[in-house]
PDB file of N, CA and C in Angstrom:
ATOM      1  N   UNK A   1      -2.113  17.115   7.888  1.00  0.00           N
ATOM      2  CA  UNK A   1      -1.866  15.694   7.761  1.00  0.00           C
ATOM      3  C   UNK A   1      -0.684  15.325   8.657  1.00  0.00           C
ATOM      4  N   UNK A   2      -0.833  14.254   9.395  1.00  0.00           N
ATOM      5  CA  UNK A   2       0.237  13.730  10.245  1.00  0.00           C
ATOM      6  C   UNK A   2       1.119  12.788   9.425  1.00  0.00           C
ATOM      7  N   UNK A   3       2.401  12.768   9.743  1.00  0.00           N
ATOM      8  CA  UNK A   3       3.344  11.931   8.995  1.00  0.00           C
ATOM      9  C   UNK A   3       4.132  11.042   9.951  1.00  0.00           C
ATOM     10  N   UNK A   4       4.147   9.760   9.634  1.00  0.00           N
ATOM     11  CA  UNK A   4       5.016   8.791  10.296  1.00  0.00           C
ATOM     12  C   UNK A   4       6.145   8.510   9.301  1.00  0.00           C
ATOM     13  N   UNK A   5       7.382   8.679   9.736  1.00  0.00           N
ATOM     14  CA  UNK A   5       8.534   8.427   8.870  1.00  0.00           C
ATOM     15  C   UNK A   5       9.223   7.133   9.268  1.00  0.00           C
ATOM     16  N   UNK A   6       9.600   6.355   8.270  1.00  0.00           N
ATOM     17  CA  UNK A   6      10.433   5.166   8.462  1.00  0.00           C
ATOM     18  C   UNK A   6      11.771   5.509   7.829  1.00  0.00           C
ATOM     19  N   UNK A   7      12.797   5.645   8.656  1.00  0.00           N
ATOM     20  CA  UNK A   7      14.089   6.128   8.181  1.00  0.00           C
ATOM     21  C   UNK A   7      15.115   4.996   8.255  1.00  0.00           C
ATOM     22  N   UNK A   8      15.730   4.724   7.126  1.00  0.00           N
ATOM     23  CA  UNK A   8      16.777   3.704   7.069  1.00  0.00           C
ATOM     24  C   UNK A   8      18.063   4.265   7.641  1.00  0.00           C
ATOM     25  N   UNK A   9      18.618   3.589   8.623  1.00  0.00           N
ATOM     26  CA  UNK A   9      19.905   3.966   9.193  1.00  0.00           C
ATOM     27  C   UNK A   9      20.980   3.043   8.676  1.00  0.00           C
ATOM     28  N   UNK A  10      22.143   3.164   9.238  1.00  0.00           N
ATOM     29  CA  UNK A  10      23.261   2.326   8.794  1.00  0.00           C
ATOM     30  C   UNK A  10      23.004   0.847   9.071  1.00  0.00           C
ATOM     31  N   UNK A  11      22.432   0.546  10.258  1.00  0.00           N
ATOM     32  CA  UNK A  11      22.196  -0.856  10.615  1.00  0.00           C
ATOM     33  C   UNK A  11      20.786  -1.111  11.139  1.00  0.00           C
ATOM     34  N   UNK A  12      19.923  -0.101  11.094  1.00  0.00           N
ATOM     35  CA  UNK A  12      18.571  -0.283  11.627  1.00  0.00           C
ATOM     36  C   UNK A  12      17.591   0.666  10.944  1.00  0.00           C
ATOM     37  N   UNK A  13      16.319   0.457  11.243  1.00  0.00           N
ATOM     38  CA  UNK A  13      15.226   1.289  10.748  1.00  0.00           C
ATOM     39  C   UNK A  13      14.600   1.988  11.946  1.00  0.00           C
ATOM     40  N   UNK A  14      14.280   3.273  11.793  1.00  0.00           N
ATOM     41  CA  UNK A  14      13.682   4.052  12.872  1.00  0.00           C
ATOM     42  C   UNK A  14      12.332   4.581  12.411  1.00  0.00           C
ATOM     43  N   UNK A  15      11.321   4.402  13.235  1.00  0.00           N
ATOM     44  CA  UNK A  15       9.988   4.941  12.969  1.00  0.00           C
ATOM     45  C   UNK A  15       9.834   6.179  13.847  1.00  0.00           C
ATOM     46  N   UNK A  16       9.504   7.321  13.215  1.00  0.00           N
ATOM     47  CA  UNK A  16       9.402   8.583  13.934  1.00  0.00           C
ATOM     48  C   UNK A  16       8.095   9.300  13.624  1.00  0.00           C
ATOM     49  N   UNK A  17       7.663  10.088  14.585  1.00  0.00           N
ATOM     50  CA  UNK A  17       6.587  11.054  14.384  1.00  0.00           C
ATOM     51  C   UNK A  17       7.160  12.380  14.847  1.00  0.00           C
ATOM     52  N   UNK A  18       7.517  13.242  13.893  1.00  0.00           N
ATOM     53  CA  UNK A  18       8.242  14.461  14.230  1.00  0.00           C
ATOM     54  C   UNK A  18       9.601  14.098  14.794  1.00  0.00           C
ATOM     55  N   UNK A  19       9.922  14.620  15.961  1.00  0.00           N
ATOM     56  CA  UNK A  19      11.212  14.304  16.583  1.00  0.00           C
ATOM     57  C   UNK A  19      11.116  13.107  17.526  1.00  0.00           C
ATOM     58  N   UNK A  20       9.922  12.604  17.708  1.00  0.00           N
ATOM     59  CA  UNK A  20       9.679  11.489  18.645  1.00  0.00           C
ATOM     60  C   UNK A  20       9.965  10.141  17.983  1.00  0.00           C
ATOM     61  N   UNK A  21      10.864   9.367  18.556  1.00  0.00           N
ATOM     62  CA  UNK A  21      11.172   8.029  18.058  1.00  0.00           C
ATOM     63  C   UNK A  21      10.145   7.061  18.644  1.00  0.00           C
ATOM     64  N   UNK A  22       9.454   6.337  17.762  1.00  0.00           N
ATOM     65  CA  UNK A  22       8.405   5.419  18.184  1.00  0.00           C
ATOM     66  C   UNK A  22       8.855   3.966  18.213  1.00  0.00           C
ATOM     67  N   UNK A  23       9.832   3.610  17.358  1.00  0.00           N
ATOM     68  CA  UNK A  23      10.205   2.201  17.212  1.00  0.00           C
ATOM     69  C   UNK A  23      11.524   2.122  16.459  1.00  0.00           C
ATOM     70  N   UNK A  24      12.383   1.208  16.850  1.00  0.00           N
ATOM     71  CA  UNK A  24      13.638   0.941  16.142  1.00  0.00           C
ATOM     72  C   UNK A  24      13.774  -0.567  15.990  1.00  0.00           C
ATOM     73  N   UNK A  25      14.155  -1.003  14.797  1.00  0.00           N
ATOM     74  CA  UNK A  25      14.329  -2.433  14.550  1.00  0.00           C
ATOM     75  C   UNK A  25      15.360  -2.616  13.444  1.00  0.00           C
ATOM     76  N   UNK A  26      15.875  -3.823  13.317  1.00  0.00           N
ATOM     77  CA  UNK A  26      16.853  -4.129  12.270  1.00  0.00           C
ATOM     78  C   UNK A  26      16.227  -4.831  11.077  1.00  0.00           C
ATOM     79  N   UNK A  27      14.962  -5.251  11.193  1.00  0.00           N
ATOM     80  CA  UNK A  27      14.298  -5.986  10.121  1.00  0.00           C
ATOM     81  C   UNK A  27      13.334  -5.049   9.395  1.00  0.00           C
ATOM     82  N   UNK A  28      13.586  -4.827   8.104  1.00  0.00           N
ATOM     83  CA  UNK A  28      12.795  -3.866   7.327  1.00  0.00           C
ATOM     84  C   UNK A  28      11.303  -4.200   7.311  1.00  0.00           C
ATOM     85  N   UNK A  29      10.956  -5.426   6.981  1.00  0.00           N
ATOM     86  CA  UNK A  29       9.540  -5.794   6.858  1.00  0.00           C
ATOM     87  C   UNK A  29       8.790  -5.608   8.177  1.00  0.00           C
ATOM     88  N   UNK A  30       9.370  -6.033   9.273  1.00  0.00           N
ATOM     89  CA  UNK A  30       8.732  -5.889  10.585  1.00  0.00           C
ATOM     90  C   UNK A  30       8.555  -4.407  10.929  1.00  0.00           C
ATOM     91  N   UNK A  31       9.547  -3.595  10.569  1.00  0.00           N
ATOM     92  CA  UNK A  31       9.470  -2.162  10.826  1.00  0.00           C
ATOM     93  C   UNK A  31       8.343  -1.533  10.027  1.00  0.00           C
ATOM     94  N   UNK A  32       8.197  -1.919   8.768  1.00  0.00           N
ATOM     95  CA  UNK A  32       7.118  -1.389   7.925  1.00  0.00           C
ATOM     96  C   UNK A  32       5.746  -1.759   8.501  1.00  0.00           C
ATOM     97  N   UNK A  33       5.585  -3.003   8.899  1.00  0.00           N
ATOM     98  CA  UNK A  33       4.309  -3.439   9.481  1.00  0.00           C
ATOM     99  C   UNK A  33       3.995  -2.692  10.767  1.00  0.00           C
ATOM    100  N   UNK A  34       5.003  -2.503  11.591  1.00  0.00           N
ATOM    101  CA  UNK A  34       4.805  -1.791  12.856  1.00  0.00           C
ATOM    102  C   UNK A  34       4.443  -0.334  12.607  1.00  0.00           C
ATOM    103  N   UNK A  35       5.092   0.300  11.659  1.00  0.00           N
ATOM    104  CA  UNK A  35       4.785   1.698  11.331  1.00  0.00           C
ATOM    105  C   UNK A  35       3.342   1.848  10.869  1.00  0.00           C
ATOM    106  N   UNK A  36       2.872   0.929  10.053  1.00  0.00           N
ATOM    107  CA  UNK A  36       1.480   0.979   9.598  1.00  0.00           C
ATOM    108  C   UNK A  36       0.525   0.792  10.761  1.00  0.00           C
ATOM    109  N   UNK A  37       0.831  -0.135  11.651  1.00  0.00           N
ATOM    110  CA  UNK A  37      -0.020  -0.354  12.822  1.00  0.00           C
ATOM    111  C   UNK A  37      -0.032   0.884  13.721  1.00  0.00           C
ATOM    112  N   UNK A  38       1.121   1.498  13.913  1.00  0.00           N
ATOM    113  CA  UNK A  38       1.202   2.712  14.723  1.00  0.00           C
ATOM    114  C   UNK A  38       0.363   3.819  14.099  1.00  0.00           C
ATOM    115  N   UNK A  39       0.445   3.970  12.785  1.00  0.00           N
ATOM    116  CA  UNK A  39      -0.302   5.047  12.122  1.00  0.00           C
ATOM    117  C   UNK A  39      -1.805   4.872  12.278  1.00  0.00           C
ATOM    118  N   UNK A  40      -2.270   3.646  12.405  1.00  0.00           N
ATOM    119  CA  UNK A  40      -3.704   3.389  12.577  1.00  0.00           C
ATOM    120  C   UNK A  40      -4.173   3.665  14.002  1.00  0.00           C
ATOM    121  N   UNK A  41      -3.277   3.569  14.968  1.00  0.00           N
ATOM    122  CA  UNK A  41      -3.686   3.698  16.370  1.00  0.00           C
ATOM    123  C   UNK A  41      -3.250   5.005  17.030  1.00  0.00           C
ATOM    124  N   UNK A  42      -2.281   5.699  16.477  1.00  0.00           N
ATOM    125  CA  UNK A  42      -1.724   6.882  17.120  1.00  0.00           C
ATOM    126  C   UNK A  42      -2.658   8.092  17.051  1.00  0.00           C
ATOM    127  N   UNK A  43      -3.416   8.199  15.976  1.00  0.00           N
ATOM    128  CA  UNK A  43      -4.214   9.389  15.743  1.00  0.00           C
ATOM    129  C   UNK A  43      -5.705   9.104  15.909  1.00  0.00           C
ATOM    130  N   UNK A  44      -6.453  10.140  16.258  1.00  0.00           N
ATOM    131  CA  UNK A  44      -7.906  10.026  16.386  1.00  0.00           C
ATOM    132  C   UNK A  44      -8.538   9.739  15.030  1.00  0.00           C
ATOM    133  N   UNK A  45      -9.747   9.173  15.050  1.00  0.00           N
ATOM    134  CA  UNK A  45     -10.490   8.940  13.809  1.00  0.00           C
ATOM    135  C   UNK A  45     -10.661  10.261  13.065  1.00  0.00           C
ATOM    136  N   UNK A  46     -10.528  10.218  11.781  1.00  0.00           N
ATOM    137  CA  UNK A  46     -10.700  11.404  10.957  1.00  0.00           C
ATOM    138  C   UNK A  46      -9.427  12.189  10.719  1.00  0.00           C
ATOM    139  N   UNK A  47      -8.360  11.892  11.465  1.00  0.00           N
ATOM    140  CA  UNK A  47      -7.081  12.571  11.258  1.00  0.00           C
ATOM    141  C   UNK A  47      -6.365  11.875  10.105  1.00  0.00           C
ATOM    142  N   UNK A  48      -6.048  12.651   9.086  1.00  0.00           N
ATOM    143  CA  UNK A  48      -5.347  12.074   7.938  1.00  0.00           C
ATOM    144  C   UNK A  48      -3.893  11.837   8.310  1.00  0.00           C
ATOM    145  N   UNK A  49      -3.368  10.695   7.887  1.00  0.00           N
ATOM    146  CA  UNK A  49      -1.988  10.331   8.200  1.00  0.00           C
ATOM    147  C   UNK A  49      -1.357   9.652   6.992  1.00  0.00           C
ATOM    148  N   UNK A  50      -0.061   9.779   6.887  1.00  0.00           N
ATOM    149  CA  UNK A  50       0.687   9.099   5.834  1.00  0.00           C
ATOM    150  C   UNK A  50       1.923   8.471   6.451  1.00  0.00           C
ATOM    151  N   UNK A  51       2.377   7.387   5.829  1.00  0.00           N
ATOM    152  CA  UNK A  51       3.614   6.722   6.238  1.00  0.00           C
ATOM    153  C   UNK A  51       4.607   6.907   5.098  1.00  0.00           C
ATOM    154  N   UNK A  52       5.771   7.467   5.414  1.00  0.00           N
ATOM    155  CA  UNK A  52       6.772   7.799   4.412  1.00  0.00           C
ATOM    156  C   UNK A  52       8.032   6.979   4.674  1.00  0.00           C
ATOM    157  N   UNK A  53       8.521   6.316   3.646  1.00  0.00           N
ATOM    158  CA  UNK A  53       9.755   5.524   3.730  1.00  0.00           C
ATOM    159  C   UNK A  53      10.915   6.362   3.210  1.00  0.00           C
ATOM    160  N   UNK A  54      11.947   6.525   4.023  1.00  0.00           N
ATOM    161  CA  UNK A  54      13.118   7.325   3.634  1.00  0.00           C
ATOM    162  C   UNK A  54      14.320   6.386   3.608  1.00  0.00           C
ATOM    163  N   UNK A  55      14.816   6.114   2.405  1.00  0.00           N
ATOM    164  CA  UNK A  55      15.959   5.212   2.244  1.00  0.00           C
ATOM    165  C   UNK A  55      17.248   6.024   2.121  1.00  0.00           C
ATOM    166  N   UNK A  56      18.308   5.420   2.608  1.00  0.00           N
ATOM    167  CA  UNK A  56      19.636   6.035   2.480  1.00  0.00           C
ATOM    168  C   UNK A  56      20.131   5.862   1.054  1.00  0.00           C
ATOM    169  N   UNK A  57      20.918   6.818   0.592  1.00  0.00           N
ATOM    170  CA  UNK A  57      21.626   6.643  -0.684  1.00  0.00           C
ATOM    171  C   UNK A  57      22.836   5.788  -0.409  1.00  0.00           C
ATOM    172  N   UNK A  58      22.982   4.709  -1.167  1.00  0.00           N
ATOM    173  CA  UNK A  58      24.117   3.797  -0.935  1.00  0.00           C
ATOM    174  C   UNK A  58      25.222   4.103  -1.877  1.00  0.00           C
TER     175      UNK A  58
END
């Protein structure tokens, strides 16, 4: 299974696939939508994928 991670940073959100950074933004909702769109287009049909949200401990 492939994993797209959405990682909360100090002032931004980063979308990653492994060590590869795919997208960085400061708006949470836009970042979530973009990560979902990326997960639908990045992998071939039939490849299982998940999107994981990683929040910082405040």
